Amino acid sequence: MRVVWSPLAELRASEAVDAIAKDRPHAAAVWLEKLLARVETLDRFATQGRAVPEIGRPAYRQLLHRPYRIIYRIDAKQIVILTLRHERRAWDAAEIPPDG
């Protein structure tokens, strides 16, 4: 399966890297490398993440990449990385588009 990133997920990843890089540029680069490697595994193991409790539908899953949650949706032909959420941020349902 193909893995694609939504514009929001790309933005959130960029914001996370920028925030980490303010104090620890090398750590930000390492964090990003590990994030990308983690997401790449979804093409073979799409269901490795657990269901997102706030959504409660099996197609919506999450992987933890501390301190972020990688929220994704399994579609028929692709995996869509929907957003990254810091563990401490309140849930915002508006960040998750309807199925499609």
Protein backbone atom coordinates (compact mmCIF):
# COMPACT_ATOMS: atom_id res chain seq x y z
CA MET A 1 0.00 0.00 0.00
CA ARG A 2 1.08 3.53 -0.69
CA VAL A 3 1.56 5.99 2.18
CA VAL A 4 0.60 9.62 1.57
CA TRP A 5 0.79 12.63 3.86
CA SER A 6 -2.00 15.17 4.14
CA PRO A 7 -0.95 18.83 3.99
CA LEU A 8 -1.93 19.14 7.67
CA ALA A 9 0.29 16.20 8.66
CA GLU A 10 3.22 17.72 6.77
CA LEU A 11 2.62 21.05 8.49
CA ARG A 12 2.43 19.45 11.95
CA ALA A 13 5.65 17.48 11.34
CA SER A 14 7.41 20.66 10.23
CA GLU A 15 6.16 22.53 13.30
CA ALA A 16 7.38 19.72 15.57
CA VAL A 17 10.82 19.71 13.98
CA ASP A 18 11.06 23.50 14.29
CA ALA A 19 10.06 23.38 17.96
CA ILE A 20 12.60 20.68 18.80
CA ALA A 21 15.33 22.41 16.75
CA LYS A 22 15.09 25.63 18.76
CA ASP A 23 16.98 24.00 21.61
CA ARG A 24 18.40 20.84 20.02
CA PRO A 25 18.95 20.95 16.24
CA HIS A 26 20.60 17.53 16.08
CA ALA A 27 17.81 15.96 18.13
CA ALA A 28 15.27 17.45 15.71
CA ALA A 29 17.01 15.82 12.74
CA VAL A 30 17.14 12.46 14.52
CA TRP A 31 13.48 12.75 15.55
CA LEU A 32 12.44 13.46 11.95
CA GLU A 33 14.48 10.54 10.58
CA LYS A 34 12.84 8.19 13.06
CA LEU A 35 9.38 9.61 12.31
CA LEU A 36 9.81 9.01 8.59
CA ALA A 37 11.18 5.50 9.17
CA ARG A 38 8.26 4.69 11.45
CA VAL A 39 5.71 5.91 8.91
CA GLU A 40 7.42 3.97 6.10
CA THR A 41 6.61 0.70 7.91
CA LEU A 42 2.90 1.32 7.41
CA ASP A 43 3.05 0.26 3.76
CA ARG A 44 3.67 -3.31 4.96
CA PHE A 45 2.04 -3.28 8.39
CA ALA A 46 -0.90 -0.88 8.16
CA THR A 47 -2.71 -2.24 11.19
CA GLN A 48 0.25 -2.06 13.55
CA GLY A 49 -1.14 1.08 15.18
CA ARG A 50 -4.00 0.92 17.62
CA ALA A 51 -7.44 2.39 16.97
CA VAL A 52 -7.82 6.07 17.81
CA PRO A 53 -10.01 6.07 20.93
CA GLU A 54 -11.58 9.45 20.12
CA ILE A 55 -12.83 8.14 16.77
CA GLY A 56 -13.58 4.50 17.56
CA ARG A 57 -13.47 3.26 13.96
CA PRO A 58 -10.97 0.58 12.89
CA ALA A 59 -9.80 2.42 9.77
CA TYR A 60 -8.49 5.27 11.94
CA ARG A 61 -5.33 4.29 13.75
CA GLN A 62 -2.39 5.81 15.54
CA LEU A 63 1.26 5.17 16.16
CA LEU A 64 3.12 6.78 19.01
CA HIS A 65 6.27 8.70 18.21
CA ARG A 66 6.88 10.43 21.50
CA PRO A 67 5.67 12.93 22.32
CA TYR A 68 3.43 12.81 19.24
CA ARG A 69 0.63 10.62 17.98
CA ILE A 70 0.71 9.86 14.26
CA ILE A 71 -2.95 9.67 13.27
CA TYR A 72 -3.67 7.84 10.02
CA ARG A 73 -6.49 6.28 8.04
CA ILE A 74 -6.39 3.01 6.11
CA ASP A 75 -8.16 3.39 2.77
CA ALA A 76 -8.64 0.76 0.07
CA LYS A 77 -5.47 1.66 -1.85
CA GLN A 78 -3.48 3.89 0.47
CA ILE A 79 -2.62 4.88 4.01
CA VAL A 80 -3.24 8.57 4.67
CA ILE A 81 -1.24 10.27 7.41
CA LEU A 82 -3.87 12.72 8.62
CA THR A 83 -2.13 14.64 11.39
CA LEU A 84 0.40 14.57 14.19
CA ARG A 85 -0.87 15.49 17.64
CA HIS A 86 1.26 16.29 20.65
CA GLU A 87 0.21 14.00 23.49
CA ARG A 88 -0.67 16.99 25.66
CA ARG A 89 -2.87 18.75 23.10
CA ALA A 90 -6.60 18.40 23.40
CA TRP A 91 -8.34 16.38 20.71
CA ASP A 92 -9.65 18.41 17.77
CA ALA A 93 -12.07 16.42 15.60
CA ALA A 94 -11.89 19.16 12.93
CA GLU A 95 -8.38 17.94 12.05
CA ILE A 96 -9.73 14.59 10.87
CA PRO A 97 -11.52 14.75 7.51
CA PRO A 98 -14.44 12.43 6.76
CA ASP A 99 -13.73 9.17 4.94
CA GLY A 100 -12.87 9.53 1.33
